Amino acid sequence: MERGNFGSKIGAVLAAAGSAVGLGNIWRFPTECGSNGGAAFILIYILCVLLLAMPVMVAEFVIGRASRSNTVGSYRVLAPGKPWVVSGFLGVLGGFMVLSYYSVVAGWTLDYAFESISGGLLAHTDYGAVFNDFVSSPWRPVVFLGIFLFVTHCVVAAGVEKGIERFSKVLMPLLLLIIFVLIGFSISMPNASTGISFLLKPDFSKVTKDVILSAMGQAFFTLSVGIGTLATYASYFNKETKLVKTALGVCTIDTMVAVSAGFIIFPALFSVGVDADSGPGLVFITLPYVFNEAFGNMPVLEYIFSALFYVLLVLAALTSTISMHEIGTAYIHETFKLTRPKAAMVVTAICLTFGIICSLSFGLWKEVTVMGMTFFDLFDFITAKFLMPLGGLLICTFVGWDMNKKLVASELNSRFTPLLMILFSWVAPIGIGIIFVYGLISG
């Protein structure tokens, strides 16, 4: 079966960057940054990206391009008869689970984007009640979840070059343009300098073990490593694509988007006197209040700022859901010999079913729990605390210890190969192991 390829180097970089850039950058990163001291957290986070998350990304690139197969088939090609294939199955399972609950939140962003564009969001003042009423509704979140998955399905079903690469070339530049426009709005607000200082002047007295572990976890989460997303994308790279250079480019774009989200949010928060530690409700409850307080006397600016911000969230979510969808689509397409559209339909149907279950856990089924967790929280726990770190640990261990060293060196084709082998074999597995154990103990 002939496999697709990315048609250009920039297309490969933008697609991989789109996989990494998502709600983790614009929703989760500001939440973690605000809760853990601002600039000090950012410095630790960048260090963790370089020493921990980037090696896992490069390792996934090596596995994907060397095998030219999906995340399960790659281990069958590179380590036939060995149990490493379990890592591939964990990746497929993780992809299904993450896409299922992630699409629920993606649907929220789509609803808020529509509400902002239509002006409906500006008509409210109790944003906590608005958000709670919305997520507990038995049908509205499900409708927007379905719309989001349908759009994702259409992109993936169109193929690697005509679907994923083409949309990445449009979505990523548009996302970056909106970010820069919003930064301009935010840093021009009164007292914005306090928020900028929060992001640029580190206070290392606030650094604790929990802050370090949070930074490590965020670096791992935001780059979408550990479930085979990037290995799947790398299987479409051509031989001219420089793996280390591509990984560095992806990490740079991803970090830039995350920090830029901070420059959008924190100057605005400090401008109206809102605590930076606003928690997970920051984007859907706190920020609408901030927009209203900051631009209440200028409704046109409030409309533009809020509409652009939630469109930004939609674009960021879409680039990630496309990559997560591709994990299962590539596996089903190549393993069961279904056409790409049919394979994509199977993934969409499964994730829509589980997504509806996760969505209803905020309303009709909020009393239904497994191990004391709602279905949404259970999916989040299994993937974030178990499948992703375990997958990353297995990926690095495989490339660092078991994969043919000449093949690894040939794929890397870099003067940094000896350093990367140390990171694959020791630094990344130890760091991921710490996250894994700590996450299970504290979870």
Protein backbone atom coordinates (compact mmCIF):
# COMPACT_ATOMS: atom_id res chain seq x y z
CA MET A 1 0.00 0.00 0.00
CA GLU A 2 1.47 3.32 -1.07
CA ARG A 3 1.97 5.71 1.84
CA GLY A 4 1.58 9.47 1.76
CA ASN A 5 4.40 11.94 2.28
CA PHE A 6 4.67 15.56 3.30
CA GLY A 7 5.40 17.47 0.12
CA SER A 8 7.85 20.01 1.57
CA LYS A 9 10.17 20.59 4.51
CA ILE A 10 8.15 23.55 5.76
CA GLY A 11 5.00 21.45 5.50
CA ALA A 12 6.59 18.75 7.67
CA VAL A 13 7.69 21.31 10.28
CA LEU A 14 4.33 23.09 10.39
CA ALA A 15 2.41 19.81 10.63
CA ALA A 16 4.61 18.56 13.48
CA ALA A 17 4.41 21.96 15.17
CA GLY A 18 0.64 21.88 14.77
CA SER A 19 0.60 18.54 16.52
CA ALA A 20 2.48 20.05 19.47
CA VAL A 21 0.70 23.41 19.58
CA GLY A 22 -2.73 23.12 21.14
CA LEU A 23 -4.82 23.89 24.18
CA GLY A 24 -1.86 22.79 26.29
CA ASN A 25 -0.08 25.98 25.19
CA ILE A 26 -2.88 28.50 25.43
CA TRP A 27 -5.02 27.03 28.21
CA ARG A 28 -2.86 24.75 30.35
CA PHE A 29 0.46 26.63 30.16
CA PRO A 30 -0.86 29.98 31.48
CA THR A 31 -2.68 28.09 34.24
CA GLU A 32 0.51 26.27 35.28
CA CYS A 33 2.61 29.42 34.89
CA GLY A 34 0.23 31.49 36.99
CA SER A 35 0.12 28.85 39.72
CA ASN A 36 3.87 28.31 39.87
CA GLY A 37 5.57 31.69 39.97
CA GLY A 38 5.67 33.03 36.41
CA ALA A 39 9.18 33.62 35.02
CA ALA A 40 10.91 31.05 37.23
CA PHE A 41 8.49 28.39 36.01
CA ILE A 42 9.13 29.41 32.38
CA LEU A 43 12.90 29.00 32.73
CA ILE A 44 12.54 25.56 34.30
CA TYR A 45 9.98 24.63 31.67
CA ILE A 46 12.36 25.57 28.81
CA LEU A 47 15.12 23.50 30.41
CA CYS A 48 12.75 20.53 30.67
CA VAL A 49 11.77 20.92 27.01
CA LEU A 50 15.41 20.74 25.94
CA LEU A 51 16.51 17.90 28.23
CA LEU A 52 13.35 15.82 28.47
CA ALA A 53 10.63 16.44 25.91
CA MET A 54 12.80 17.15 22.86
CA PRO A 55 14.75 13.86 23.17
CA VAL A 56 11.45 11.95 23.24
CA MET A 57 10.35 13.88 20.16
CA VAL A 58 13.56 13.07 18.29
CA ALA A 59 13.25 9.43 19.35
CA GLU A 60 9.72 9.32 17.94
CA PHE A 61 10.98 10.90 14.71
CA VAL A 62 13.68 8.21 14.44
CA ILE A 63 11.19 5.38 14.97
CA GLY A 64 8.66 6.81 12.53
CA ARG A 65 10.92 7.57 9.61
CA ALA A 66 13.10 4.47 9.98
CA SER A 67 10.05 2.20 9.90
CA ARG A 68 7.82 4.13 7.49
CA SER A 69 4.85 2.67 9.33
CA ASN A 70 2.15 3.48 11.87
CA THR A 71 2.92 3.49 15.58
CA VAL A 72 2.20 -0.25 15.99
CA GLY A 73 3.71 -1.36 12.69
CA SER A 74 6.90 0.59 13.38
CA TYR A 75 7.92 -1.79 16.18
CA ARG A 76 7.04 -4.80 14.06
CA VAL A 77 9.41 -3.47 11.40
CA LEU A 78 12.24 -2.38 13.72
CA ALA A 79 11.99 -5.07 16.42
CA PRO A 80 10.15 -8.09 14.98
CA GLY A 81 9.19 -10.69 17.54
CA LYS A 82 10.03 -8.45 20.49
CA PRO A 83 7.51 -7.08 23.02
CA TRP A 84 8.19 -3.44 22.11
CA VAL A 85 5.02 -3.54 20.00
CA VAL A 86 3.16 -3.04 23.29
CA SER A 87 4.38 0.57 23.20
CA GLY A 88 2.70 0.99 19.82
CA PHE A 89 -0.62 -0.36 21.08
CA LEU A 90 -0.41 1.94 24.11
CA GLY A 91 0.07 4.83 21.68
CA VAL A 92 -3.02 3.92 19.64
CA LEU A 93 -5.08 3.50 22.82
CA GLY A 94 -3.76 6.81 24.13
CA GLY A 95 -4.59 8.54 20.85
CA PHE A 96 -8.20 7.34 20.98
CA MET A 97 -8.61 8.34 24.63
CA VAL A 98 -6.95 11.76 24.34
CA LEU A 99 -8.92 12.65 21.21
CA SER A 100 -12.16 11.61 22.93
CA TYR A 101 -11.88 13.91 25.94
CA TYR A 102 -9.76 16.61 24.27
CA SER A 103 -12.50 17.07 21.65
CA VAL A 104 -14.93 17.87 24.46
CA VAL A 105 -12.82 20.87 25.49
CA ALA A 106 -12.23 21.70 21.81
CA GLY A 107 -16.01 21.83 21.43
CA TRP A 108 -16.19 24.31 24.31
CA THR A 109 -13.75 26.59 22.49
CA LEU A 110 -15.87 26.38 19.35
CA ASP A 111 -19.01 27.36 21.26
CA TYR A 112 -17.23 30.29 22.90
CA ALA A 113 -15.88 31.38 19.52
CA PHE A 114 -19.40 31.40 18.07
CA GLU A 115 -20.75 33.19 21.14
CA SER A 116 -17.97 35.80 20.91
CA ILE A 117 -18.42 36.41 17.19
CA SER A 118 -22.20 36.66 17.51
CA GLY A 119 -21.88 39.02 20.48
CA GLY A 120 -23.75 36.65 22.82
CA LEU A 121 -20.85 36.35 25.24
CA LEU A 122 -20.76 40.12 25.76
CA ALA A 123 -24.36 40.08 26.97
CA HIS A 124 -23.49 38.16 30.14
CA THR A 125 -21.85 39.20 33.40
CA ASP A 126 -21.88 36.00 35.51
CA TYR A 127 -19.41 34.01 33.42
CA GLY A 128 -19.09 31.21 35.96
CA ALA A 129 -22.82 30.49 35.70
CA VAL A 130 -22.66 30.74 31.89
CA PHE A 131 -19.85 28.19 31.73
CA ASN A 132 -21.44 25.78 34.21
CA ASP A 133 -24.81 25.95 32.45
CA PHE A 134 -23.13 25.24 29.12
CA VAL A 135 -20.97 22.25 30.13
CA SER A 136 -23.82 20.65 32.09
CA SER A 137 -26.22 20.88 29.13
CA PRO A 138 -27.12 17.44 27.75
CA TRP A 139 -26.94 18.56 24.11
CA ARG A 140 -25.04 21.81 23.38
CA PRO A 141 -21.53 20.55 24.23
CA VAL A 142 -22.28 17.34 22.32
CA VAL A 143 -23.27 19.30 19.20
CA PHE A 144 -20.04 21.31 19.23
CA LEU A 145 -18.03 18.18 20.00
CA GLY A 146 -19.58 16.57 16.91
CA ILE A 147 -18.85 19.60 14.72
CA PHE A 148 -15.24 19.67 15.83
CA LEU A 149 -14.71 15.96 15.21
CA PHE A 150 -16.39 16.25 11.79
CA VAL A 151 -14.00 19.01 10.71
CA THR A 152 -11.06 17.00 12.04
CA HIS A 153 -12.30 13.93 10.18
CA CYS A 154 -12.56 15.79 6.87
CA VAL A 155 -8.96 17.02 7.10
CA VAL A 156 -7.52 13.60 8.00
CA ALA A 157 -9.64 11.74 5.42
CA ALA A 158 -8.27 14.04 2.69
CA GLY A 159 -4.80 12.55 3.15
CA VAL A 160 -1.34 13.52 4.31
CA GLU A 161 -0.36 16.13 1.71
CA LYS A 162 -3.80 17.33 0.56
CA GLY A 163 -5.32 17.29 4.05
CA ILE A 164 -2.92 17.49 7.00
CA GLU A 165 -0.08 19.41 5.31
CA ARG A 166 -2.33 21.80 3.39
CA PHE A 167 -4.34 22.76 6.48
CA SER A 168 -1.21 23.05 8.64
CA LYS A 169 0.24 25.56 6.18
CA VAL A 170 -2.88 27.70 6.61
CA LEU A 171 -3.73 27.15 10.29
CA MET A 172 -0.29 27.64 11.82
CA PRO A 173 0.52 31.05 10.20
CA LEU A 174 -3.04 32.22 10.97
CA LEU A 175 -2.65 31.11 14.59
CA LEU A 176 0.65 32.98 14.93
CA LEU A 177 -0.84 36.13 13.33
CA ILE A 178 -3.74 36.17 15.81
CA ILE A 179 -1.28 35.68 18.70
CA PHE A 180 0.76 38.74 17.70
CA VAL A 181 -2.39 40.88 17.27
CA LEU A 182 -3.64 39.86 20.72
CA ILE A 183 -0.25 40.54 22.33
CA GLY A 184 -0.40 44.05 20.89
CA PHE A 185 -3.83 44.56 22.47
CA SER A 186 -2.77 43.14 25.82
CA ILE A 187 0.55 44.91 26.41
CA SER A 188 -1.06 48.27 25.55
CA MET A 189 -3.51 47.98 28.44
CA PRO A 190 -3.05 50.07 31.64
CA ASN A 191 -0.73 48.46 34.21
CA ALA A 192 0.23 45.77 31.69
CA SER A 193 3.87 46.21 32.77
CA THR A 194 3.12 44.32 36.00
CA GLY A 195 2.03 41.29 34.02
CA ILE A 196 5.08 41.57 31.78
CA SER A 197 7.36 41.66 34.83
CA PHE A 198 5.61 38.55 36.15
CA LEU A 199 6.73 36.76 32.97
CA LEU A 200 10.25 38.20 32.70
CA LYS A 201 11.58 38.60 36.27
CA PRO A 202 12.05 35.20 37.90
CA ASP A 203 11.54 34.79 41.64
CA PHE A 204 13.45 31.61 42.45
CA SER A 205 12.27 31.71 46.05
CA LYS A 206 8.99 30.29 44.76
CA VAL A 207 10.66 27.28 43.15
CA THR A 208 9.78 24.03 44.91
CA LYS A 209 9.86 20.36 44.04
CA ASP A 210 6.23 20.62 42.89
CA VAL A 211 7.04 23.56 40.60
CA ILE A 212 9.87 21.61 38.96
CA LEU A 213 7.69 18.54 38.50
CA SER A 214 4.86 20.69 37.12
CA ALA A 215 7.26 22.20 34.58
CA MET A 216 8.45 18.74 33.56
CA GLY A 217 4.88 17.53 33.19
CA GLN A 218 3.88 20.58 31.16
CA ALA A 219 6.85 20.16 28.81
CA PHE A 220 5.85 16.56 28.25
CA PHE A 221 2.14 17.32 27.78
CA THR A 222 2.46 20.34 25.51
CA LEU A 223 4.68 18.64 22.91
CA SER A 224 2.29 15.67 22.55
CA VAL A 225 5.07 13.15 23.05
CA GLY A 226 4.65 9.59 24.27
CA ILE A 227 1.63 8.31 22.31
CA GLY A 228 3.15 8.01 18.85
CA THR A 229 1.70 11.17 17.32
CA LEU A 230 5.08 12.42 16.17
CA ALA A 231 6.28 8.95 15.17
CA THR A 232 3.23 8.71 12.90
CA TYR A 233 3.95 12.11 11.35
CA ALA A 234 7.65 11.27 10.96
CA SER A 235 6.71 8.18 8.95
CA TYR A 236 5.64 10.69 6.27
CA PHE A 237 8.96 12.60 6.35
CA ASN A 238 11.24 12.22 3.35
CA LYS A 239 14.94 11.43 3.74
CA GLU A 240 15.92 15.08 3.22
CA THR A 241 14.11 16.14 6.40
CA LYS A 242 16.63 16.82 9.18
CA LEU A 243 15.17 15.22 12.28
CA VAL A 244 17.09 17.15 14.92
CA LYS A 245 16.61 20.46 13.13
CA THR A 246 12.89 19.74 12.70
CA ALA A 247 12.52 18.84 16.38
CA LEU A 248 14.31 22.04 17.39
CA GLY A 249 12.01 24.04 15.12
CA VAL A 250 8.91 22.39 16.56
CA CYS A 251 10.07 22.97 20.14
CA THR A 252 10.86 26.60 19.33
CA ILE A 253 7.43 27.25 17.80
CA ASP A 254 5.66 25.40 20.60
CA THR A 255 7.51 27.28 23.35
CA MET A 256 7.03 30.60 21.57
CA VAL A 257 3.27 30.01 21.38
CA ALA A 258 3.08 29.01 25.07
CA VAL A 259 5.05 32.03 26.28
CA SER A 260 3.15 34.30 23.87
CA ALA A 261 -0.10 33.07 25.42
CA GLY A 262 1.31 34.32 28.72
CA PHE A 263 1.92 37.74 27.17
CA ILE A 264 -1.71 37.78 26.02
CA ILE A 265 -3.22 36.70 29.33
CA PHE A 266 -1.14 38.02 32.23
CA PRO A 267 -0.84 41.71 31.23
CA ALA A 268 -4.65 41.65 30.82
CA LEU A 269 -5.13 39.95 34.20
CA PHE A 270 -2.89 42.39 36.07
CA SER A 271 -4.44 45.32 34.21
CA VAL A 272 -7.80 44.71 35.88
CA GLY A 273 -6.41 43.42 39.19
CA VAL A 274 -7.24 39.72 38.75
CA ASP A 275 -5.05 37.14 40.51
CA ALA A 276 -2.67 35.33 38.16
CA ASP A 277 -3.45 32.07 39.97
CA SER A 278 -6.94 31.70 38.52
CA GLY A 279 -6.77 27.96 37.99
CA PRO A 280 -8.33 25.84 35.21
CA GLY A 281 -11.29 28.22 34.84
CA LEU A 282 -8.92 30.92 33.57
CA VAL A 283 -9.90 30.75 29.89
CA PHE A 284 -13.65 30.18 30.12
CA ILE A 285 -14.58 32.09 33.29
CA THR A 286 -11.85 34.55 34.29
CA LEU A 287 -10.86 35.90 30.87
CA PRO A 288 -14.37 36.91 29.73
CA TYR A 289 -14.60 38.90 32.95
CA VAL A 290 -11.19 40.46 32.20
CA PHE A 291 -12.28 41.38 28.66
CA ASN A 292 -15.42 43.01 30.05
CA GLU A 293 -13.53 44.95 32.74
CA ALA A 294 -10.76 46.06 30.38
CA PHE A 295 -12.90 47.08 27.43
CA GLY A 296 -16.30 47.66 29.03
CA ASN A 297 -16.37 51.25 27.81
CA MET A 298 -15.17 50.20 24.35
CA PRO A 299 -17.48 47.36 23.25
CA VAL A 300 -15.89 47.16 19.80
CA LEU A 301 -12.48 46.35 21.30
CA GLU A 302 -14.05 43.88 23.73
CA TYR A 303 -15.74 42.17 20.79
CA ILE A 304 -12.54 42.01 18.70
CA PHE A 305 -10.34 40.82 21.58
CA SER A 306 -12.68 38.09 22.79
CA ALA A 307 -13.56 36.89 19.27
CA LEU A 308 -9.91 36.67 18.21
CA PHE A 309 -8.91 34.91 21.41
CA TYR A 310 -11.49 32.14 21.13
CA VAL A 311 -10.84 31.71 17.41
CA LEU A 312 -7.20 31.28 18.42
CA LEU A 313 -8.21 28.51 20.83
CA VAL A 314 -10.21 26.79 18.11
CA LEU A 315 -7.28 26.84 15.69
CA ALA A 316 -4.87 25.56 18.34
CA ALA A 317 -7.26 22.74 19.29
CA LEU A 318 -7.81 21.77 15.64
CA THR A 319 -4.10 21.39 14.84
CA SER A 320 -3.84 18.95 17.77
CA THR A 321 -7.01 16.95 17.12
CA ILE A 322 -5.87 16.38 13.52
CA SER A 323 -2.61 14.80 14.70
CA MET A 324 -4.30 12.67 17.37
CA HIS A 325 -6.87 11.45 14.84
CA GLU A 326 -4.08 10.46 12.47
CA ILE A 327 -2.62 7.98 15.02
CA GLY A 328 -5.68 5.72 14.86
CA THR A 329 -6.42 6.42 11.19
CA ALA A 330 -2.92 5.38 10.07
CA TYR A 331 -3.06 2.23 12.21
CA ILE A 332 -6.48 1.10 10.94
CA HIS A 333 -5.73 2.14 7.34
CA GLU A 334 -2.50 0.13 7.16
CA THR A 335 -3.37 -2.81 9.42
CA PHE A 336 -6.87 -3.62 8.18
CA LYS A 337 -6.35 -2.37 4.61
CA LEU A 338 -9.31 0.01 4.74
CA THR A 339 -9.32 3.11 2.59
CA ARG A 340 -8.19 6.24 4.40
CA PRO A 341 -11.71 7.78 4.48
CA LYS A 342 -13.18 4.56 5.92
CA ALA A 343 -10.39 4.26 8.49
CA ALA A 344 -10.94 7.88 9.48
CA MET A 345 -14.67 7.20 9.83
CA VAL A 346 -13.99 4.36 12.27
CA VAL A 347 -11.81 6.64 14.42
CA THR A 348 -14.36 9.45 14.30
CA ALA A 349 -17.23 7.14 15.30
CA ILE A 350 -15.31 5.64 18.24
CA CYS A 351 -14.07 8.99 19.54
CA LEU A 352 -17.49 10.60 19.10
CA THR A 353 -19.05 7.83 21.21
CA PHE A 354 -16.51 8.16 24.01
CA GLY A 355 -16.48 11.94 23.66
CA ILE A 356 -20.24 12.05 24.31
CA ILE A 357 -19.73 9.91 27.41
CA CYS A 358 -17.01 12.30 28.63
CA SER A 359 -19.17 15.34 27.87
CA LEU A 360 -22.16 13.98 29.77
CA SER A 361 -19.97 13.50 32.84
CA PHE A 362 -20.34 17.25 33.42
CA GLY A 363 -24.13 17.01 33.45
CA LEU A 364 -26.44 14.00 33.28
CA TRP A 365 -23.75 11.51 34.29
CA LYS A 366 -21.76 13.62 36.73
CA GLU A 367 -22.70 11.23 39.56
CA VAL A 368 -21.43 8.21 37.61
CA THR A 369 -17.83 7.56 38.67
CA VAL A 370 -15.10 4.97 38.23
CA MET A 371 -12.48 4.86 40.98
CA GLY A 372 -14.00 8.08 42.27
CA MET A 373 -13.56 9.89 38.92
CA THR A 374 -16.02 10.98 36.25
CA PHE A 375 -15.46 9.56 32.77
CA PHE A 376 -13.78 12.80 31.64
CA ASP A 377 -11.41 12.80 34.62
CA LEU A 378 -10.75 9.08 34.19
CA PHE A 379 -9.69 9.50 30.54
CA ASP A 380 -7.51 12.46 31.51
CA PHE A 381 -5.92 10.53 34.39
CA ILE A 382 -5.17 7.38 32.38
CA THR A 383 -3.59 9.27 29.49
CA ALA A 384 -1.75 12.08 31.31
CA LYS A 385 -0.60 10.09 34.33
CA PHE A 386 -0.06 6.68 32.77
CA LEU A 387 -0.12 6.20 28.99
CA MET A 388 1.84 9.29 27.90
CA PRO A 389 4.72 9.07 30.40
CA LEU A 390 4.93 5.28 30.09
CA GLY A 391 4.89 5.59 26.32
CA GLY A 392 7.66 8.20 26.40
CA LEU A 393 9.71 6.01 28.73
CA LEU A 394 9.39 3.01 26.40
CA ILE A 395 10.15 5.08 23.28
CA CYS A 396 13.39 6.51 24.70
CA THR A 397 14.45 3.17 26.16
CA PHE A 398 13.88 1.43 22.83
CA VAL A 399 15.87 3.95 20.79
CA GLY A 400 18.59 4.35 23.44
CA TRP A 401 19.14 0.69 24.28
CA ASP A 402 17.63 -1.76 21.77
CA MET A 403 17.30 -0.18 18.33
CA ASN A 404 20.14 -0.74 15.88
CA LYS A 405 22.70 1.96 16.70
CA LYS A 406 23.87 2.36 13.11
CA LEU A 407 20.30 2.88 11.98
CA VAL A 408 19.71 5.45 14.74
CA ALA A 409 22.88 7.32 13.79
CA SER A 410 21.93 7.20 10.11
CA GLU A 411 18.47 8.64 10.81
CA LEU A 412 19.85 11.36 13.11
CA ASN A 413 22.70 12.30 10.77
CA SER A 414 23.83 14.92 13.28
CA ARG A 415 27.00 15.94 15.09
CA PHE A 416 24.91 15.85 18.26
CA THR A 417 24.27 12.09 17.98
CA PRO A 418 26.50 11.12 20.97
CA LEU A 419 24.75 13.69 23.20
CA LEU A 420 21.33 12.58 21.99
CA MET A 421 22.16 8.94 22.75
CA ILE A 422 22.94 9.93 26.34
CA LEU A 423 19.64 11.79 26.53
CA PHE A 424 17.76 8.82 25.03
CA SER A 425 19.44 6.26 27.26
CA TRP A 426 19.66 8.04 30.60
CA VAL A 427 18.44 11.62 31.03
CA ALA A 428 14.98 11.36 29.46
CA PRO A 429 14.05 7.94 30.92
CA ILE A 430 15.04 9.04 34.43
CA GLY A 431 13.16 12.33 34.12
CA ILE A 432 10.06 10.65 32.70
CA GLY A 433 10.28 7.97 35.38
CA ILE A 434 10.16 10.67 38.06
CA ILE A 435 7.06 12.22 36.47
CA PHE A 436 5.45 8.82 36.11
CA VAL A 437 5.98 7.75 39.71
CA TYR A 438 5.15 11.15 41.17
CA GLY A 439 2.00 11.41 39.04
CA LEU A 440 0.75 8.03 40.23
CA ILE A 441 1.55 8.79 43.87
CA SER A 442 -0.04 12.23 43.84
CA GLY A 443 -2.85 11.33 41.43
